[in-house]
N, C-alpha and C. Protein backbone atom coordinates (compact mmCIF):
# COMPACT_ATOMS: atom_id res chain seq x y z
N MET A 1 -0.64 170.72 97.51
CA MET A 1 -1.79 169.90 97.24
C MET A 1 -1.33 168.59 96.62
N LYS A 2 -1.96 167.50 97.01
CA LYS A 2 -1.72 166.18 96.42
C LYS A 2 -3.02 165.66 95.85
N ILE A 3 -2.94 165.08 94.66
CA ILE A 3 -4.08 164.38 94.11
C ILE A 3 -3.65 162.96 93.77
N THR A 4 -4.60 162.05 93.80
CA THR A 4 -4.33 160.64 93.53
C THR A 4 -4.81 160.31 92.12
N ALA A 5 -3.95 159.68 91.35
CA ALA A 5 -4.32 159.27 90.00
C ALA A 5 -5.33 158.13 90.08
N GLN A 6 -6.43 158.28 89.38
CA GLN A 6 -7.46 157.25 89.33
C GLN A 6 -7.37 156.51 88.00
N ARG A 7 -7.91 155.32 87.95
CA ARG A 7 -7.91 154.53 86.72
C ARG A 7 -8.74 155.25 85.66
N MET A 8 -8.24 155.24 84.45
CA MET A 8 -8.91 155.87 83.33
C MET A 8 -10.15 155.09 82.95
N THR A 9 -11.29 155.77 82.90
CA THR A 9 -12.53 155.19 82.36
C THR A 9 -13.14 156.20 81.41
N ALA A 10 -13.88 155.72 80.43
CA ALA A 10 -14.52 156.61 79.46
C ALA A 10 -15.49 157.55 80.14
N THR A 11 -16.22 157.07 81.14
CA THR A 11 -17.20 157.91 81.82
C THR A 11 -16.54 159.03 82.60
N ALA A 12 -15.51 158.71 83.38
CA ALA A 12 -14.85 159.74 84.19
C ALA A 12 -14.12 160.77 83.32
N PHE A 13 -13.59 160.34 82.17
CA PHE A 13 -12.82 161.22 81.31
C PHE A 13 -13.69 162.01 80.32
N ALA A 14 -14.96 161.64 80.16
CA ALA A 14 -15.84 162.23 79.15
C ALA A 14 -15.90 163.76 79.14
N PRO A 15 -15.89 164.46 80.29
CA PRO A 15 -15.93 165.92 80.21
C PRO A 15 -14.69 166.55 79.54
N PHE A 16 -13.62 165.78 79.42
CA PHE A 16 -12.36 166.31 78.91
C PHE A 16 -11.98 165.77 77.53
N GLY A 17 -12.53 164.62 77.17
CA GLY A 17 -12.17 164.02 75.90
C GLY A 17 -12.66 162.59 75.78
N ASP A 18 -12.00 161.86 74.89
CA ASP A 18 -12.40 160.49 74.56
C ASP A 18 -11.30 159.51 74.95
N VAL A 19 -11.70 158.35 75.44
CA VAL A 19 -10.76 157.26 75.69
C VAL A 19 -10.71 156.41 74.43
N LEU A 20 -9.52 156.13 73.96
CA LEU A 20 -9.34 155.34 72.75
C LEU A 20 -8.90 153.93 73.16
N ASP A 21 -9.82 152.98 73.03
CA ASP A 21 -9.50 151.60 73.37
C ASP A 21 -10.44 150.66 72.65
N CYS A 22 -10.32 149.40 72.92
CA CYS A 22 -11.14 148.38 72.28
C CYS A 22 -12.21 147.85 73.23
N ALA A 23 -12.77 148.72 74.05
CA ALA A 23 -13.81 148.29 74.98
C ALA A 23 -15.09 147.94 74.22
N GLY A 24 -15.80 146.99 74.75
CA GLY A 24 -17.07 146.60 74.14
C GLY A 24 -16.87 145.70 72.93
N GLU A 25 -17.96 145.47 72.23
CA GLU A 25 -17.94 144.63 71.05
C GLU A 25 -17.44 145.43 69.85
N PRO A 26 -16.72 144.79 68.93
CA PRO A 26 -16.29 145.51 67.73
C PRO A 26 -17.50 145.91 66.90
N ASP A 27 -17.34 146.99 66.15
CA ASP A 27 -18.43 147.46 65.28
C ASP A 27 -18.54 146.61 64.02
N THR A 28 -17.40 146.12 63.56
CA THR A 28 -17.35 145.35 62.33
C THR A 28 -16.18 144.37 62.42
N VAL A 29 -16.36 143.25 61.76
CA VAL A 29 -15.25 142.31 61.59
C VAL A 29 -14.84 142.41 60.12
N ILE A 30 -13.54 142.65 59.89
CA ILE A 30 -13.04 142.87 58.53
C ILE A 30 -11.88 141.92 58.23
N ASN A 31 -11.31 142.06 57.06
CA ASN A 31 -10.14 141.28 56.63
C ASN A 31 -10.39 139.78 56.75
N ALA A 32 -11.45 139.35 56.10
CA ALA A 32 -11.80 137.93 56.06
C ALA A 32 -11.97 137.34 57.46
N GLY A 33 -12.52 138.16 58.37
CA GLY A 33 -12.80 137.69 59.72
C GLY A 33 -11.61 137.69 60.66
N LEU A 34 -10.49 138.28 60.26
CA LEU A 34 -9.27 138.23 61.06
C LEU A 34 -8.97 139.53 61.80
N CYS A 35 -9.86 140.52 61.68
CA CYS A 35 -9.60 141.82 62.31
C CYS A 35 -10.90 142.44 62.80
N ASP A 36 -10.91 142.82 64.07
CA ASP A 36 -12.06 143.53 64.63
C ASP A 36 -11.85 145.03 64.48
N ARG A 37 -12.88 145.73 64.01
CA ARG A 37 -12.80 147.19 63.86
C ARG A 37 -13.65 147.84 64.94
N TYR A 38 -13.02 148.69 65.74
CA TYR A 38 -13.69 149.50 66.75
C TYR A 38 -13.75 150.89 66.15
N HIS A 39 -14.88 151.24 65.60
CA HIS A 39 -15.04 152.36 64.67
C HIS A 39 -15.30 153.69 65.36
N ASP A 40 -14.71 154.75 64.85
CA ASP A 40 -15.03 156.14 65.18
C ASP A 40 -14.99 156.39 66.69
N ARG A 41 -13.84 156.19 67.31
CA ARG A 41 -13.69 156.25 68.76
C ARG A 41 -13.43 157.65 69.32
N ALA A 42 -13.25 158.67 68.47
CA ALA A 42 -12.93 160.01 69.00
C ALA A 42 -13.60 161.09 68.17
N ILE A 43 -13.91 162.19 68.83
CA ILE A 43 -14.42 163.37 68.15
C ILE A 43 -13.21 164.27 67.87
N LEU A 44 -12.74 164.21 66.64
CA LEU A 44 -11.59 165.02 66.24
C LEU A 44 -12.11 166.36 65.73
N ASP A 45 -11.46 167.44 66.12
CA ASP A 45 -11.92 168.78 65.83
C ASP A 45 -10.70 169.62 65.47
N PHE A 46 -10.59 170.05 64.23
CA PHE A 46 -9.42 170.80 63.79
C PHE A 46 -9.75 172.21 63.33
N GLY A 47 -10.95 172.68 63.62
CA GLY A 47 -11.32 174.04 63.26
C GLY A 47 -11.00 174.33 61.81
N ASP A 48 -10.25 175.40 61.58
CA ASP A 48 -9.90 175.78 60.22
C ASP A 48 -8.58 175.17 59.75
N GLY A 49 -8.04 174.22 60.53
CA GLY A 49 -6.80 173.55 60.16
C GLY A 49 -7.08 172.21 59.53
N ARG A 50 -6.08 171.38 59.52
CA ARG A 50 -6.22 170.02 59.00
C ARG A 50 -5.63 169.05 60.01
N ALA A 51 -5.97 167.78 59.87
CA ALA A 51 -5.41 166.76 60.75
C ALA A 51 -3.97 166.48 60.37
N GLY A 52 -3.13 166.34 61.38
CA GLY A 52 -1.75 165.96 61.16
C GLY A 52 -1.38 164.85 62.13
N ILE A 53 -0.47 163.99 61.73
CA ILE A 53 0.03 162.93 62.60
C ILE A 53 1.51 163.21 62.85
N SER A 54 1.85 163.35 64.12
CA SER A 54 3.23 163.58 64.53
C SER A 54 3.64 162.47 65.48
N LEU A 55 4.92 162.32 65.71
CA LEU A 55 5.43 161.39 66.71
C LEU A 55 6.09 162.19 67.81
N PHE A 56 5.73 161.88 69.05
CA PHE A 56 6.32 162.52 70.23
C PHE A 56 7.10 161.46 70.99
N GLU A 57 8.31 161.78 71.39
CA GLU A 57 9.10 160.89 72.23
C GLU A 57 9.41 161.64 73.52
N ALA A 58 8.72 161.27 74.59
CA ALA A 58 8.81 161.98 75.86
C ALA A 58 9.64 161.20 76.87
N LYS A 59 10.36 161.93 77.67
CA LYS A 59 11.16 161.32 78.74
C LYS A 59 10.23 160.80 79.84
N PRO A 60 10.57 159.64 80.42
CA PRO A 60 9.69 159.07 81.45
C PRO A 60 9.75 159.88 82.74
N ARG A 61 8.66 159.85 83.46
CA ARG A 61 8.54 160.48 84.78
C ARG A 61 8.19 159.38 85.77
N SER A 62 8.03 159.75 87.04
CA SER A 62 7.68 158.76 88.05
C SER A 62 6.81 159.40 89.13
N PHE A 63 6.20 158.55 89.94
CA PHE A 63 5.41 159.02 91.08
C PHE A 63 6.33 159.22 92.27
N PRO A 64 6.11 160.15 93.14
CA PRO A 64 5.13 161.22 92.97
C PRO A 64 5.60 162.18 91.88
N TYR A 65 4.64 162.65 91.08
CA TYR A 65 4.92 163.54 89.96
C TYR A 65 4.49 164.95 90.35
N THR A 66 5.38 165.92 90.17
CA THR A 66 5.05 167.31 90.47
C THR A 66 4.63 168.00 89.18
N CYS A 67 3.43 168.54 89.19
CA CYS A 67 2.88 169.24 88.02
C CYS A 67 2.94 170.75 88.28
N ASP A 68 3.61 171.45 87.37
CA ASP A 68 3.71 172.91 87.51
C ASP A 68 3.26 173.65 86.25
N LEU A 69 2.77 172.90 85.26
CA LEU A 69 2.36 173.50 83.99
C LEU A 69 1.17 172.75 83.42
N LEU A 70 0.15 173.49 83.02
CA LEU A 70 -0.97 172.92 82.28
C LEU A 70 -1.08 173.70 80.97
N GLU A 71 -1.61 173.05 79.96
CA GLU A 71 -1.75 173.70 78.66
C GLU A 71 -3.08 173.32 78.04
N ARG A 72 -3.45 174.07 77.00
CA ARG A 72 -4.64 173.73 76.24
C ARG A 72 -4.45 174.17 74.80
N HIS A 73 -5.31 173.66 73.94
CA HIS A 73 -5.22 173.93 72.51
C HIS A 73 -6.57 174.51 72.06
N PRO A 74 -6.66 175.83 71.93
CA PRO A 74 -7.95 176.47 71.64
C PRO A 74 -8.49 176.22 70.24
N ASP A 75 -7.63 175.77 69.31
CA ASP A 75 -8.08 175.63 67.93
C ASP A 75 -8.31 174.20 67.48
N GLY A 76 -8.12 173.22 68.36
CA GLY A 76 -8.34 171.86 67.92
C GLY A 76 -8.10 170.82 68.99
N SER A 77 -8.62 169.64 68.73
CA SER A 77 -8.44 168.51 69.63
C SER A 77 -7.01 167.96 69.48
N GLN A 78 -6.64 167.08 70.41
CA GLN A 78 -5.30 166.49 70.37
C GLN A 78 -5.38 165.07 70.92
N ALA A 79 -5.03 164.10 70.09
CA ALA A 79 -5.09 162.68 70.47
C ALA A 79 -3.69 162.13 70.69
N PHE A 80 -3.53 161.31 71.74
CA PHE A 80 -2.27 160.65 72.06
C PHE A 80 -2.50 159.14 72.01
N ILE A 81 -1.77 158.48 71.14
CA ILE A 81 -1.88 157.03 70.99
C ILE A 81 -0.51 156.43 71.30
N PRO A 82 -0.39 155.73 72.44
CA PRO A 82 0.92 155.18 72.80
C PRO A 82 1.35 154.11 71.79
N MET A 83 2.63 154.11 71.49
CA MET A 83 3.20 153.10 70.61
C MET A 83 4.00 152.11 71.46
N HIS A 84 3.41 151.76 72.61
CA HIS A 84 3.98 150.84 73.58
C HIS A 84 2.82 150.29 74.39
N MET A 85 3.08 149.32 75.22
CA MET A 85 2.04 148.71 76.03
C MET A 85 2.27 149.02 77.51
N HIS A 86 2.33 150.32 77.84
CA HIS A 86 2.50 150.76 79.22
C HIS A 86 1.47 151.85 79.52
N PRO A 87 0.98 151.91 80.75
CA PRO A 87 0.10 153.01 81.13
C PRO A 87 0.89 154.33 81.15
N PHE A 88 0.16 155.44 81.05
CA PHE A 88 0.77 156.76 81.18
C PHE A 88 -0.16 157.65 81.99
N LEU A 89 0.39 158.72 82.52
CA LEU A 89 -0.35 159.63 83.39
C LEU A 89 -1.01 160.71 82.55
N VAL A 90 -2.27 161.00 82.85
CA VAL A 90 -3.03 162.04 82.17
C VAL A 90 -3.60 162.97 83.23
N ILE A 91 -3.29 164.25 83.12
CA ILE A 91 -3.81 165.26 84.06
C ILE A 91 -4.69 166.21 83.27
N VAL A 92 -5.88 166.49 83.79
CA VAL A 92 -6.81 167.42 83.16
C VAL A 92 -7.37 168.35 84.23
N ALA A 93 -7.95 169.45 83.78
CA ALA A 93 -8.56 170.38 84.73
C ALA A 93 -9.67 171.14 84.01
N PRO A 94 -10.80 171.37 84.68
CA PRO A 94 -11.83 172.22 84.10
C PRO A 94 -11.34 173.67 84.03
N ASP A 95 -11.95 174.43 83.15
CA ASP A 95 -11.62 175.85 83.01
C ASP A 95 -12.44 176.67 84.01
N ASN A 96 -11.78 177.64 84.64
CA ASN A 96 -12.46 178.56 85.54
C ASN A 96 -12.05 179.98 85.15
N LYS A 97 -12.85 180.61 84.31
CA LYS A 97 -12.60 181.99 83.87
C LYS A 97 -11.23 182.14 83.22
N GLY A 98 -10.89 181.19 82.36
CA GLY A 98 -9.65 181.27 81.59
C GLY A 98 -8.43 180.64 82.21
N VAL A 99 -8.57 180.03 83.39
CA VAL A 99 -7.44 179.34 84.02
C VAL A 99 -7.89 177.95 84.47
N PRO A 100 -6.94 177.01 84.54
CA PRO A 100 -7.30 175.66 85.00
C PRO A 100 -7.62 175.66 86.49
N ASP A 101 -8.55 174.78 86.89
CA ASP A 101 -9.00 174.71 88.27
C ASP A 101 -9.31 173.26 88.63
N ASN A 102 -9.04 172.86 89.85
CA ASN A 102 -9.38 171.53 90.37
C ASN A 102 -8.88 170.40 89.47
N PRO A 103 -7.58 170.20 89.36
CA PRO A 103 -7.04 169.17 88.48
C PRO A 103 -7.46 167.76 88.91
N ILE A 104 -7.51 166.90 87.92
CA ILE A 104 -7.83 165.49 88.09
C ILE A 104 -6.75 164.70 87.37
N ALA A 105 -6.29 163.61 87.96
CA ALA A 105 -5.26 162.78 87.33
C ALA A 105 -5.83 161.39 87.06
N PHE A 106 -5.46 160.86 85.91
CA PHE A 106 -5.85 159.52 85.50
C PHE A 106 -4.61 158.72 85.14
N LEU A 107 -4.66 157.44 85.39
CA LEU A 107 -3.64 156.52 84.94
C LEU A 107 -4.31 155.63 83.90
N THR A 108 -3.82 155.68 82.66
CA THR A 108 -4.44 154.88 81.62
C THR A 108 -4.24 153.40 81.89
N ASN A 109 -5.07 152.61 81.28
CA ASN A 109 -4.90 151.17 81.28
C ASN A 109 -4.02 150.80 80.09
N VAL A 110 -3.39 149.67 80.13
CA VAL A 110 -2.58 149.21 79.01
C VAL A 110 -3.45 149.17 77.76
N GLY A 111 -2.92 149.72 76.68
CA GLY A 111 -3.64 149.70 75.41
C GLY A 111 -4.59 150.87 75.20
N GLN A 112 -4.67 151.81 76.12
CA GLN A 112 -5.55 152.97 75.96
C GLN A 112 -4.77 154.17 75.46
N GLY A 113 -5.41 154.91 74.58
CA GLY A 113 -4.96 156.23 74.20
C GLY A 113 -6.03 157.22 74.62
N ILE A 114 -5.79 158.51 74.39
CA ILE A 114 -6.79 159.51 74.76
C ILE A 114 -6.84 160.60 73.69
N ASN A 115 -7.97 161.28 73.65
CA ASN A 115 -8.17 162.43 72.78
C ASN A 115 -8.70 163.56 73.63
N PHE A 116 -7.93 164.64 73.76
CA PHE A 116 -8.40 165.82 74.47
C PHE A 116 -9.31 166.63 73.56
N HIS A 117 -10.48 167.00 74.06
CA HIS A 117 -11.33 167.90 73.31
C HIS A 117 -10.67 169.26 73.19
N ARG A 118 -11.06 170.00 72.20
CA ARG A 118 -10.56 171.36 71.99
C ARG A 118 -10.71 172.17 73.28
N ASN A 119 -9.68 172.93 73.62
CA ASN A 119 -9.69 173.88 74.74
C ASN A 119 -9.70 173.23 76.12
N THR A 120 -9.31 171.97 76.21
CA THR A 120 -9.25 171.27 77.50
C THR A 120 -7.88 171.49 78.14
N TRP A 121 -7.87 171.99 79.37
CA TRP A 121 -6.61 172.12 80.12
C TRP A 121 -6.08 170.72 80.41
N HIS A 122 -4.79 170.52 80.19
CA HIS A 122 -4.19 169.21 80.45
C HIS A 122 -2.71 169.35 80.76
N GLY A 123 -2.18 168.34 81.42
CA GLY A 123 -0.76 168.29 81.72
C GLY A 123 0.03 167.91 80.48
N VAL A 124 1.34 167.99 80.61
CA VAL A 124 2.21 167.59 79.50
C VAL A 124 2.22 166.08 79.37
N LEU A 125 2.72 165.60 78.25
CA LEU A 125 2.81 164.17 78.01
C LEU A 125 3.68 163.53 79.09
N THR A 126 3.12 162.53 79.79
CA THR A 126 3.78 161.99 80.98
C THR A 126 3.84 160.46 80.96
N PRO A 127 4.77 159.90 80.17
CA PRO A 127 4.96 158.45 80.24
C PRO A 127 5.62 158.09 81.58
N LEU A 128 5.38 156.89 82.03
CA LEU A 128 5.93 156.45 83.31
C LEU A 128 6.97 155.35 83.15
N TYR A 129 7.26 154.98 81.91
CA TYR A 129 8.23 153.93 81.64
C TYR A 129 9.23 154.43 80.62
N GLU A 130 10.30 153.71 80.42
CA GLU A 130 11.37 154.17 79.54
C GLU A 130 10.91 154.56 78.15
N HIS A 131 10.07 153.77 77.57
CA HIS A 131 9.67 154.00 76.18
C HIS A 131 8.46 154.93 76.15
N GLY A 132 8.67 156.17 75.77
CA GLY A 132 7.58 157.14 75.76
C GLY A 132 7.26 157.63 74.37
N LEU A 133 7.08 156.72 73.41
CA LEU A 133 6.79 157.08 72.03
C LEU A 133 5.28 157.06 71.80
N PHE A 134 4.77 158.17 71.24
CA PHE A 134 3.33 158.33 71.01
C PHE A 134 3.09 158.85 69.61
N ALA A 135 2.05 158.35 68.96
CA ALA A 135 1.52 158.98 67.75
C ALA A 135 0.53 160.05 68.23
N VAL A 136 0.65 161.24 67.70
CA VAL A 136 -0.20 162.35 68.11
C VAL A 136 -0.94 162.86 66.88
N ILE A 137 -2.26 162.94 67.00
CA ILE A 137 -3.10 163.46 65.92
C ILE A 137 -3.67 164.77 66.42
N ASP A 138 -3.27 165.86 65.75
CA ASP A 138 -3.77 167.16 66.17
C ASP A 138 -3.82 168.12 64.99
N ARG A 139 -4.20 169.36 65.29
CA ARG A 139 -4.43 170.38 64.28
C ARG A 139 -3.11 170.91 63.74
N ILE A 140 -3.04 170.97 62.42
CA ILE A 140 -1.95 171.61 61.71
C ILE A 140 -2.57 172.80 60.97
N GLY A 141 -2.07 174.00 61.24
CA GLY A 141 -2.62 175.17 60.57
C GLY A 141 -2.02 176.44 61.11
N ALA A 142 -2.49 177.54 60.58
CA ALA A 142 -1.97 178.86 60.96
C ALA A 142 -2.34 179.18 62.41
N GLY A 143 -1.52 180.01 63.03
CA GLY A 143 -1.80 180.45 64.39
C GLY A 143 -1.20 179.53 65.42
N ALA A 144 -1.07 180.07 66.62
CA ALA A 144 -0.52 179.30 67.74
C ALA A 144 -1.66 178.57 68.45
N ASN A 145 -1.68 177.27 68.33
CA ASN A 145 -2.73 176.45 68.94
C ASN A 145 -2.26 175.93 70.29
N LEU A 146 -1.64 176.78 71.08
CA LEU A 146 -1.13 176.37 72.37
C LEU A 146 -1.21 177.54 73.34
N GLU A 147 -1.81 177.27 74.49
CA GLU A 147 -1.83 178.22 75.59
C GLU A 147 -1.30 177.50 76.82
N GLU A 148 -0.25 178.04 77.44
CA GLU A 148 0.34 177.44 78.63
C GLU A 148 -0.01 178.25 79.86
N HIS A 149 -0.20 177.52 80.97
CA HIS A 149 -0.47 178.18 82.24
C HIS A 149 0.49 177.59 83.28
N HIS A 150 1.46 178.40 83.70
CA HIS A 150 2.40 177.99 84.75
C HIS A 150 1.71 178.18 86.10
N LEU A 151 1.69 177.14 86.90
CA LEU A 151 0.97 177.17 88.17
C LEU A 151 1.76 177.91 89.23
N ASP A 152 1.11 178.82 89.93
CA ASP A 152 1.75 179.52 91.05
C ASP A 152 2.12 178.53 92.15
N THR A 153 1.24 177.55 92.35
CA THR A 153 1.48 176.52 93.36
C THR A 153 1.42 175.16 92.69
N PRO A 154 2.55 174.54 92.39
CA PRO A 154 2.55 173.20 91.80
C PRO A 154 1.85 172.20 92.74
N PHE A 155 1.40 171.11 92.17
CA PHE A 155 0.78 170.05 92.98
C PHE A 155 1.45 168.72 92.64
N GLN A 156 1.29 167.77 93.55
CA GLN A 156 1.85 166.44 93.35
C GLN A 156 0.76 165.45 93.01
N VAL A 157 1.10 164.52 92.13
CA VAL A 157 0.22 163.41 91.80
C VAL A 157 0.87 162.15 92.32
N VAL A 158 0.09 161.38 93.06
CA VAL A 158 0.57 160.11 93.59
C VAL A 158 -0.20 158.97 92.95
N ALA A 159 0.40 157.81 92.93
CA ALA A 159 -0.25 156.62 92.34
C ALA A 159 -1.46 156.24 93.17
N GLY A 160 -2.48 155.77 92.48
CA GLY A 160 -3.72 155.37 93.16
C GLY A 160 -3.75 153.92 93.50
């Protein structure tokens, strides 16, 4: 199976999470008028844990990209904020009786991050350029907040 990566939009991504960007008008202007604040852009959910900020440095991938693993986090949301100005690939899939089904691929726009809602099936972190450094905000707490699903039949993602 091949799927085509589509441009990331807040509307298309809404069933899976939040797009983190500076779209629209700022909510507030701060710092003596020198900084626009785009307020409360994600629904963070950490259940019985706490928020933690980690840094992930992922190796770059390229198109066509073969996806053979999807994962989800049953106990909390997970946000990825790129620390670079390059798009990255985001793969998500709705749940079908405990397994991922009908994957969808998005290519972020420059300057966008994403927040996966709790329990959303998604691909691994997939930068497309050399520098794959991301700030990650997710749940820190007891228990394994990771479920992996190895695909019997991998699929390819091609650029849109």
